[in-house]
Amino acid sequence: MHVTISTDSYPDKHYQGWIGYISPSAEFTPKSVETTEVRSDLVYQVRVFTCDTRNELRLGMPATVTIPLDQSPPPANRNNMTTCDKS
């Protein structure tokens, strides 16, 4: 799934990326999740990859990842993996 990444450090820049991993189980349940109606608010670990050719993004840098919910996930197949253009 393709995503858009933004950071406070570079507020005018948006980076393109993709989701490489979503944990099959919730990391923790926030205190606000107490009823079945709000169980969709569980927190899951997600690994996002990006082609940051300028090396502006750093490990541990806070970022906001926007996931368009109207896209279908690609089939789980190594031939469909997204790669970075090295040019």
PDB file of N, CA and C in Angstrom:
ATOM      1  N   MET A   1       0.842  -1.173   0.000  1.00  0.00           N
ATOM      2  CA  MET A   1       0.000   0.000   0.000  1.00  0.00           C
ATOM      3  C   MET A   1       0.889   1.238   0.000  1.00  0.00           C
ATOM      4  N   HIS A   2       0.574   2.164  -0.854  1.00  0.00           N
ATOM      5  CA  HIS A   2       1.343   3.398  -0.947  1.00  0.00           C
ATOM      6  C   HIS A   2       0.856   4.402   0.093  1.00  0.00           C
ATOM      7  N   VAL A   3       1.791   5.180   0.646  1.00  0.00           N
ATOM      8  CA  VAL A   3       1.490   6.145   1.695  1.00  0.00           C
ATOM      9  C   VAL A   3       2.199   7.465   1.397  1.00  0.00           C
ATOM     10  N   THR A   4       1.773   8.507   2.097  1.00  0.00           N
ATOM     11  CA  THR A   4       2.441   9.803   2.057  1.00  0.00           C
ATOM     12  C   THR A   4       2.963  10.096   3.457  1.00  0.00           C
ATOM     13  N   ILE A   5       4.216  10.564   3.534  1.00  0.00           N
ATOM     14  CA  ILE A   5       4.877  10.800   4.815  1.00  0.00           C
ATOM     15  C   ILE A   5       5.201  12.282   4.930  1.00  0.00           C
ATOM     16  N   SER A   6       4.918  12.862   6.107  1.00  0.00           N
ATOM     17  CA  SER A   6       5.300  14.251   6.368  1.00  0.00           C
ATOM     18  C   SER A   6       5.909  14.327   7.765  1.00  0.00           C
ATOM     19  N   THR A   7       6.758  15.339   7.983  1.00  0.00           N
ATOM     20  CA  THR A   7       7.415  15.511   9.279  1.00  0.00           C
ATOM     21  C   THR A   7       7.329  16.971   9.708  1.00  0.00           C
ATOM     22  N   ASP A   8       7.504  17.214  11.006  1.00  0.00           N
ATOM     23  CA  ASP A   8       7.557  18.583  11.507  1.00  0.00           C
ATOM     24  C   ASP A   8       8.845  19.269  11.065  1.00  0.00           C
ATOM     25  N   SER A   9       9.910  18.498  10.873  1.00  0.00           N
ATOM     26  CA  SER A   9      11.201  19.070  10.479  1.00  0.00           C
ATOM     27  C   SER A   9      11.160  19.674   9.080  1.00  0.00           C
ATOM     28  N   TYR A  10      10.368  19.065   8.193  1.00  0.00           N
ATOM     29  CA  TYR A  10      10.237  19.536   6.811  1.00  0.00           C
ATOM     30  C   TYR A  10       8.746  19.654   6.484  1.00  0.00           C
ATOM     31  N   PRO A  11       8.060  20.660   7.048  1.00  0.00           N
ATOM     32  CA  PRO A  11       6.598  20.731   6.908  1.00  0.00           C
ATOM     33  C   PRO A  11       6.098  20.920   5.480  1.00  0.00           C
ATOM     34  N   ASP A  12       6.929  21.454   4.596  1.00  0.00           N
ATOM     35  CA  ASP A  12       6.488  21.684   3.216  1.00  0.00           C
ATOM     36  C   ASP A  12       6.816  20.532   2.285  1.00  0.00           C
ATOM     37  N   LYS A  13       7.436  19.485   2.806  1.00  0.00           N
ATOM     38  CA  LYS A  13       7.815  18.347   1.966  1.00  0.00           C
ATOM     39  C   LYS A  13       6.961  17.136   2.312  1.00  0.00           C
ATOM     40  N   HIS A  14       6.617  16.390   1.281  1.00  0.00           N
ATOM     41  CA  HIS A  14       5.886  15.143   1.452  1.00  0.00           C
ATOM     42  C   HIS A  14       6.670  14.061   0.740  1.00  0.00           C
ATOM     43  N   TYR A  15       6.877  12.961   1.420  1.00  0.00           N
ATOM     44  CA  TYR A  15       7.645  11.844   0.880  1.00  0.00           C
ATOM     45  C   TYR A  15       6.684  10.721   0.526  1.00  0.00           C
ATOM     46  N   GLN A  16       6.986  10.005  -0.527  1.00  0.00           N
ATOM     47  CA  GLN A  16       6.184   8.854  -0.920  1.00  0.00           C
ATOM     48  C   GLN A  16       6.820   7.602  -0.323  1.00  0.00           C
ATOM     49  N   GLY A  17       5.999   6.667   0.067  1.00  0.00           N
ATOM     50  CA  GLY A  17       6.509   5.431   0.639  1.00  0.00           C
ATOM     51  C   GLY A  17       5.497   4.320   0.490  1.00  0.00           C
ATOM     52  N   TRP A  18       5.767   3.212   1.162  1.00  0.00           N
ATOM     53  CA  TRP A  18       4.875   2.072   1.115  1.00  0.00           C
ATOM     54  C   TRP A  18       4.965   1.314   2.427  1.00  0.00           C
ATOM     55  N   ILE A  19       3.891   0.606   2.738  1.00  0.00           N
ATOM     56  CA  ILE A  19       3.846  -0.207   3.950  1.00  0.00           C
ATOM     57  C   ILE A  19       4.482  -1.550   3.638  1.00  0.00           C
ATOM     58  N   GLY A  20       5.484  -1.908   4.425  1.00  0.00           N
ATOM     59  CA  GLY A  20       6.167  -3.176   4.230  1.00  0.00           C
ATOM     60  C   GLY A  20       5.745  -4.228   5.235  1.00  0.00           C
ATOM     61  N   TYR A  21       5.121  -3.800   6.344  1.00  0.00           N
ATOM     62  CA  TYR A  21       4.756  -4.752   7.398  1.00  0.00           C
ATOM     63  C   TYR A  21       3.680  -4.135   8.275  1.00  0.00           C
ATOM     64  N   ILE A  22       2.698  -4.936   8.632  1.00  0.00           N
ATOM     65  CA  ILE A  22       1.699  -4.574   9.634  1.00  0.00           C
ATOM     66  C   ILE A  22       1.640  -5.722  10.622  1.00  0.00           C
ATOM     67  N   SER A  23       1.798  -5.421  11.896  1.00  0.00           N
ATOM     68  CA  SER A  23       1.766  -6.454  12.926  1.00  0.00           C
ATOM     69  C   SER A  23       0.400  -7.139  12.944  1.00  0.00           C
ATOM     70  N   PRO A  24       0.376  -8.459  13.110  1.00  0.00           N
ATOM     71  CA  PRO A  24      -0.906  -9.164  13.164  1.00  0.00           C
ATOM     72  C   PRO A  24      -1.643  -8.970  14.492  1.00  0.00           C
ATOM     73  N   SER A  25      -0.964  -8.420  15.500  1.00  0.00           N
ATOM     74  CA  SER A  25      -1.623  -8.214  16.791  1.00  0.00           C
ATOM     75  C   SER A  25      -1.356  -6.797  17.292  1.00  0.00           C
ATOM     76  N   ALA A  26      -2.274  -6.302  18.099  1.00  0.00           N
ATOM     77  CA  ALA A  26      -2.154  -4.945  18.623  1.00  0.00           C
ATOM     78  C   ALA A  26      -0.978  -4.854  19.590  1.00  0.00           C
ATOM     79  N   GLU A  27      -0.278  -3.727  19.554  1.00  0.00           N
ATOM     80  CA  GLU A  27       0.850  -3.500  20.464  1.00  0.00           C
ATOM     81  C   GLU A  27       0.348  -3.245  21.880  1.00  0.00           C
ATOM     82  N   PHE A  28      -0.651  -2.419  22.005  1.00  0.00           N
ATOM     83  CA  PHE A  28      -1.275  -2.127  23.289  1.00  0.00           C
ATOM     84  C   PHE A  28      -2.642  -1.531  23.011  1.00  0.00           C
ATOM     85  N   THR A  29      -3.448  -1.505  24.026  1.00  0.00           N
ATOM     86  CA  THR A  29      -4.768  -0.913  23.893  1.00  0.00           C
ATOM     87  C   THR A  29      -4.768   0.414  24.640  1.00  0.00           C
ATOM     88  N   PRO A  30      -4.971   1.518  23.960  1.00  0.00           N
ATOM     89  CA  PRO A  30      -5.040   2.802  24.659  1.00  0.00           C
ATOM     90  C   PRO A  30      -6.180   2.813  25.669  1.00  0.00           C
ATOM     91  N   LYS A  31      -6.045   3.619  26.712  1.00  0.00           N
ATOM     92  CA  LYS A  31      -7.082   3.684  27.744  1.00  0.00           C
ATOM     93  C   LYS A  31      -8.442   4.051  27.167  1.00  0.00           C
ATOM     94  N   SER A  32      -8.432   4.755  26.051  1.00  0.00           N
ATOM     95  CA  SER A  32      -9.705   5.186  25.465  1.00  0.00           C
ATOM     96  C   SER A  32     -10.476   4.037  24.812  1.00  0.00           C
ATOM     97  N   VAL A  33      -9.842   2.859  24.653  1.00  0.00           N
ATOM     98  CA  VAL A  33     -10.505   1.726  24.005  1.00  0.00           C
ATOM     99  C   VAL A  33     -11.076   0.821  25.090  1.00  0.00           C
ATOM    100  N   GLU A  34     -12.342   1.025  25.383  1.00  0.00           N
ATOM    101  CA  GLU A  34     -12.972   0.249  26.443  1.00  0.00           C
ATOM    102  C   GLU A  34     -14.234  -0.465  25.985  1.00  0.00           C
ATOM    103  N   THR A  35     -14.757  -0.107  24.841  1.00  0.00           N
ATOM    104  CA  THR A  35     -15.994  -0.721  24.382  1.00  0.00           C
ATOM    105  C   THR A  35     -15.800  -1.333  23.003  1.00  0.00           C
ATOM    106  N   THR A  36     -16.695  -2.217  22.620  1.00  0.00           N
ATOM    107  CA  THR A  36     -16.602  -2.853  21.306  1.00  0.00           C
ATOM    108  C   THR A  36     -16.771  -1.849  20.179  1.00  0.00           C
ATOM    109  N   GLU A  37     -17.446  -0.726  20.432  1.00  0.00           N
ATOM    110  CA  GLU A  37     -17.664   0.275  19.392  1.00  0.00           C
ATOM    111  C   GLU A  37     -16.371   0.978  18.980  1.00  0.00           C
ATOM    112  N   VAL A  38     -15.395   1.052  19.869  1.00  0.00           N
ATOM    113  CA  VAL A  38     -14.154   1.775  19.556  1.00  0.00           C
ATOM    114  C   VAL A  38     -12.947   0.846  19.454  1.00  0.00           C
ATOM    115  N   ARG A  39     -13.162  -0.434  19.249  1.00  0.00           N
ATOM    116  CA  ARG A  39     -12.036  -1.363  19.133  1.00  0.00           C
ATOM    117  C   ARG A  39     -11.184  -1.108  17.901  1.00  0.00           C
ATOM    118  N   SER A  40     -11.697  -0.371  16.935  1.00  0.00           N
ATOM    119  CA  SER A  40     -10.894  -0.044  15.757  1.00  0.00           C
ATOM    120  C   SER A  40      -9.776   0.932  16.101  1.00  0.00           C
ATOM    121  N   ASP A  41      -9.764   1.458  17.320  1.00  0.00           N
ATOM    122  CA  ASP A  41      -8.721   2.385  17.753  1.00  0.00           C
ATOM    123  C   ASP A  41      -7.511   1.684  18.363  1.00  0.00           C
ATOM    124  N   LEU A  42      -7.389   0.386  18.194  1.00  0.00           N
ATOM    125  CA  LEU A  42      -6.218  -0.326  18.688  1.00  0.00           C
ATOM    126  C   LEU A  42      -4.973   0.154  17.953  1.00  0.00           C
ATOM    127  N   VAL A  43      -3.829   0.025  18.593  1.00  0.00           N
ATOM    128  CA  VAL A  43      -2.566   0.494  18.015  1.00  0.00           C
ATOM    129  C   VAL A  43      -1.771  -0.695  17.494  1.00  0.00           C
ATOM    130  N   TYR A  44      -1.378  -0.639  16.223  1.00  0.00           N
ATOM    131  CA  TYR A  44      -0.608  -1.703  15.583  1.00  0.00           C
ATOM    132  C   TYR A  44       0.731  -1.153  15.104  1.00  0.00           C
ATOM    133  N   GLN A  45       1.766  -1.978  15.212  1.00  0.00           N
ATOM    134  CA  GLN A  45       3.065  -1.594  14.667  1.00  0.00           C
ATOM    135  C   GLN A  45       2.999  -1.693  13.148  1.00  0.00           C
ATOM    136  N   VAL A  46       3.482  -0.651  12.475  1.00  0.00           N
ATOM    137  CA  VAL A  46       3.524  -0.615  11.017  1.00  0.00           C
ATOM    138  C   VAL A  46       4.931  -0.198  10.603  1.00  0.00           C
ATOM    139  N   ARG A  47       5.501  -0.902   9.648  1.00  0.00           N
ATOM    140  CA  ARG A  47       6.818  -0.536   9.123  1.00  0.00           C
ATOM    141  C   ARG A  47       6.615   0.111   7.757  1.00  0.00           C
ATOM    142  N   VAL A  48       7.101   1.350   7.620  1.00  0.00           N
ATOM    143  CA  VAL A  48       6.940   2.117   6.389  1.00  0.00           C
ATOM    144  C   VAL A  48       8.311   2.336   5.762  1.00  0.00           C
ATOM    145  N   PHE A  49       8.399   2.136   4.465  1.00  0.00           N
ATOM    146  CA  PHE A  49       9.636   2.343   3.712  1.00  0.00           C
ATOM    147  C   PHE A  49       9.452   3.535   2.787  1.00  0.00           C
ATOM    148  N   THR A  50      10.539   4.251   2.540  1.00  0.00           N
ATOM    149  CA  THR A  50      10.491   5.401   1.645  1.00  0.00           C
ATOM    150  C   THR A  50      11.791   5.513   0.863  1.00  0.00           C
ATOM    151  N   CYS A  51      11.717   6.170  -0.260  1.00  0.00           N
ATOM    152  CA  CYS A  51      12.903   6.460  -1.067  1.00  0.00           C
ATOM    153  C   CYS A  51      13.281   7.911  -0.801  1.00  0.00           C
ATOM    154  N   ASP A  52      14.063   8.134   0.237  1.00  0.00           N
ATOM    155  CA  ASP A  52      14.505   9.474   0.613  1.00  0.00           C
ATOM    156  C   ASP A  52      15.899   9.679   0.046  1.00  0.00           C
ATOM    157  N   THR A  53      15.978  10.104  -1.201  1.00  0.00           N
ATOM    158  CA  THR A  53      17.271  10.210  -1.881  1.00  0.00           C
ATOM    159  C   THR A  53      18.158  11.309  -1.306  1.00  0.00           C
ATOM    160  N   ARG A  54      17.591  12.238  -0.563  1.00  0.00           N
ATOM    161  CA  ARG A  54      18.396  13.313   0.042  1.00  0.00           C
ATOM    162  C   ARG A  54      18.795  12.994   1.480  1.00  0.00           C
ATOM    163  N   ASN A  55      18.401  11.838   1.984  1.00  0.00           N
ATOM    164  CA  ASN A  55      18.714  11.412   3.357  1.00  0.00           C
ATOM    165  C   ASN A  55      18.269  12.445   4.396  1.00  0.00           C
ATOM    166  N   GLU A  56      17.088  13.011   4.194  1.00  0.00           N
ATOM    167  CA  GLU A  56      16.548  13.991   5.137  1.00  0.00           C
ATOM    168  C   GLU A  56      15.845  13.315   6.307  1.00  0.00           C
ATOM    169  N   LEU A  57      15.312  12.139   6.093  1.00  0.00           N
ATOM    170  CA  LEU A  57      14.608  11.422   7.150  1.00  0.00           C
ATOM    171  C   LEU A  57      15.606  10.635   7.984  1.00  0.00           C
ATOM    172  N   ARG A  58      15.371  10.597   9.292  1.00  0.00           N
ATOM    173  CA  ARG A  58      16.261   9.910  10.219  1.00  0.00           C
ATOM    174  C   ARG A  58      15.477   8.904  11.051  1.00  0.00           C
ATOM    175  N   LEU A  59      16.147   7.839  11.426  1.00  0.00           N
ATOM    176  CA  LEU A  59      15.554   6.827  12.288  1.00  0.00           C
ATOM    177  C   LEU A  59      15.109   7.478  13.594  1.00  0.00           C
ATOM    178  N   GLY A  60      13.873   7.247  13.990  1.00  0.00           N
ATOM    179  CA  GLY A  60      13.333   7.815  15.215  1.00  0.00           C
ATOM    180  C   GLY A  60      12.708   9.189  15.058  1.00  0.00           C
ATOM    181  N   MET A  61      12.793   9.782  13.880  1.00  0.00           N
ATOM    182  CA  MET A  61      12.196  11.096  13.633  1.00  0.00           C
ATOM    183  C   MET A  61      10.674  10.959  13.626  1.00  0.00           C
ATOM    184  N   PRO A  62       9.973  11.784  14.420  1.00  0.00           N
ATOM    185  CA  PRO A  62       8.511  11.717  14.387  1.00  0.00           C
ATOM    186  C   PRO A  62       7.990  12.060  12.991  1.00  0.00           C
ATOM    187  N   ALA A  63       7.016  11.299  12.548  1.00  0.00           N
ATOM    188  CA  ALA A  63       6.451  11.508  11.218  1.00  0.00           C
ATOM    189  C   ALA A  63       4.967  11.180  11.241  1.00  0.00           C
ATOM    190  N   THR A  64       4.253  11.772  10.307  1.00  0.00           N
ATOM    191  CA  THR A  64       2.840  11.461  10.104  1.00  0.00           C
ATOM    192  C   THR A  64       2.729  10.714   8.788  1.00  0.00           C
ATOM    193  N   VAL A  65       2.103   9.546   8.841  1.00  0.00           N
ATOM    194  CA  VAL A  65       1.927   8.719   7.647  1.00  0.00           C
ATOM    195  C   VAL A  65       0.445   8.713   7.295  1.00  0.00           C
ATOM    196  N   THR A  66       0.136   9.109   6.070  1.00  0.00           N
ATOM    197  CA  THR A  66      -1.244   9.118   5.594  1.00  0.00           C
ATOM    198  C   THR A  66      -1.449   7.919   4.683  1.00  0.00           C
ATOM    199  N   ILE A  67      -2.430   7.086   5.049  1.00  0.00           N
ATOM    200  CA  ILE A  67      -2.734   5.870   4.293  1.00  0.00           C
ATOM    201  C   ILE A  67      -4.085   6.064   3.607  1.00  0.00           C
ATOM    202  N   PRO A  68      -4.109   6.187   2.275  1.00  0.00           N
ATOM    203  CA  PRO A  68      -5.396   6.284   1.587  1.00  0.00           C
ATOM    204  C   PRO A  68      -6.155   4.964   1.736  1.00  0.00           C
ATOM    205  N   LEU A  69      -7.334   5.036   2.291  1.00  0.00           N
ATOM    206  CA  LEU A  69      -8.093   3.816   2.557  1.00  0.00           C
ATOM    207  C   LEU A  69      -8.853   3.305   1.345  1.00  0.00           C
ATOM    208  N   ASP A  70      -8.815   4.021   0.232  1.00  0.00           N
ATOM    209  CA  ASP A  70      -9.550   3.589  -0.953  1.00  0.00           C
ATOM    210  C   ASP A  70      -8.713   2.725  -1.890  1.00  0.00           C
ATOM    211  N   GLN A  71      -7.522   2.308  -1.466  1.00  0.00           N
ATOM    212  CA  GLN A  71      -6.682   1.469  -2.322  1.00  0.00           C
ATOM    213  C   GLN A  71      -6.694   0.028  -1.822  1.00  0.00           C
ATOM    214  N   SER A  72      -6.532  -0.888  -2.736  1.00  0.00           N
ATOM    215  CA  SER A  72      -6.478  -2.305  -2.394  1.00  0.00           C
ATOM    216  C   SER A  72      -5.036  -2.692  -2.132  1.00  0.00           C
ATOM    217  N   PRO A  73      -4.802  -3.561  -1.142  1.00  0.00           N
ATOM    218  CA  PRO A  73      -3.426  -4.007  -0.929  1.00  0.00           C
ATOM    219  C   PRO A  73      -2.980  -4.894  -2.083  1.00  0.00           C
ATOM    220  N   PRO A  74      -1.706  -4.809  -2.470  1.00  0.00           N
ATOM    221  CA  PRO A  74      -1.216  -5.677  -3.543  1.00  0.00           C
ATOM    222  C   PRO A  74      -1.149  -7.111  -3.059  1.00  0.00           C
ATOM    223  N   PRO A  75      -1.181  -8.078  -3.963  1.00  0.00           N
ATOM    224  CA  PRO A  75      -1.049  -9.467  -3.545  1.00  0.00           C
ATOM    225  C   PRO A  75       0.292  -9.676  -2.855  1.00  0.00           C
ATOM    226  N   ALA A  76       0.321 -10.559  -1.877  1.00  0.00           N
ATOM    227  CA  ALA A  76       1.565 -10.863  -1.158  1.00  0.00           C
ATOM    228  C   ALA A  76       2.458 -11.693  -2.064  1.00  0.00           C
ATOM    229  N   ASN A  77       3.313 -11.006  -2.810  1.00  0.00           N
ATOM    230  CA  ASN A  77       4.164 -11.664  -3.790  1.00  0.00           C
ATOM    231  C   ASN A  77       5.442 -10.852  -3.922  1.00  0.00           C
ATOM    232  N   ARG A  78       6.585 -11.489  -3.792  1.00  0.00           N
ATOM    233  CA  ARG A  78       7.858 -10.767  -3.871  1.00  0.00           C
ATOM    234  C   ARG A  78       8.052 -10.079  -5.222  1.00  0.00           C
ATOM    235  N   ASN A  79       7.408 -10.543  -6.266  1.00  0.00           N
ATOM    236  CA  ASN A  79       7.539  -9.909  -7.576  1.00  0.00           C
ATOM    237  C   ASN A  79       6.842  -8.551  -7.629  1.00  0.00           C
ATOM    238  N   ASN A  80       5.958  -8.282  -6.666  1.00  0.00           N
ATOM    239  CA  ASN A  80       5.219  -7.022  -6.644  1.00  0.00           C
ATOM    240  C   ASN A  80       5.822  -6.009  -5.677  1.00  0.00           C
ATOM    241  N   MET A  81       7.009  -6.255  -5.161  1.00  0.00           N
ATOM    242  CA  MET A  81       7.613  -5.364  -4.183  1.00  0.00           C
ATOM    243  C   MET A  81       7.967  -4.020  -4.815  1.00  0.00           C
ATOM    244  N   THR A  82       7.762  -2.959  -4.064  1.00  0.00           N
ATOM    245  CA  THR A  82       8.131  -1.628  -4.512  1.00  0.00           C
ATOM    246  C   THR A  82       9.621  -1.433  -4.276  1.00  0.00           C
ATOM    247  N   THR A  83      10.300  -0.816  -5.228  1.00  0.00           N
ATOM    248  CA  THR A  83      11.723  -0.533  -5.069  1.00  0.00           C
ATOM    249  C   THR A  83      11.974   0.938  -5.350  1.00  0.00           C
ATOM    250  N   CYS A  84      13.115   1.409  -4.919  1.00  0.00           N
ATOM    251  CA  CYS A  84      13.483   2.809  -5.121  1.00  0.00           C
ATOM    252  C   CYS A  84      14.216   2.976  -6.433  1.00  0.00           C
ATOM    253  N   ASP A  85      13.927   4.075  -7.105  1.00  0.00           N
ATOM    254  CA  ASP A  85      14.650   4.427  -8.322  1.00  0.00           C
ATOM    255  C   ASP A  85      15.986   5.028  -7.902  1.00  0.00           C
ATOM    256  N   LYS A  86      17.078   4.427  -8.282  1.00  0.00           N
ATOM    257  CA  LYS A  86      18.406   4.850  -7.835  1.00  0.00           C
ATOM    258  C   LYS A  86      18.996   5.961  -8.684  1.00  0.00           C
ATOM    259  N   SER A  87      18.247   6.523  -9.605  1.00  0.00           N
ATOM    260  CA  SER A  87      18.794   7.584 -10.466  1.00  0.00           C
ATOM    261  C   SER A  87      18.819   8.919  -9.753  1.00  0.00           C
TER     262      SER A  87
END
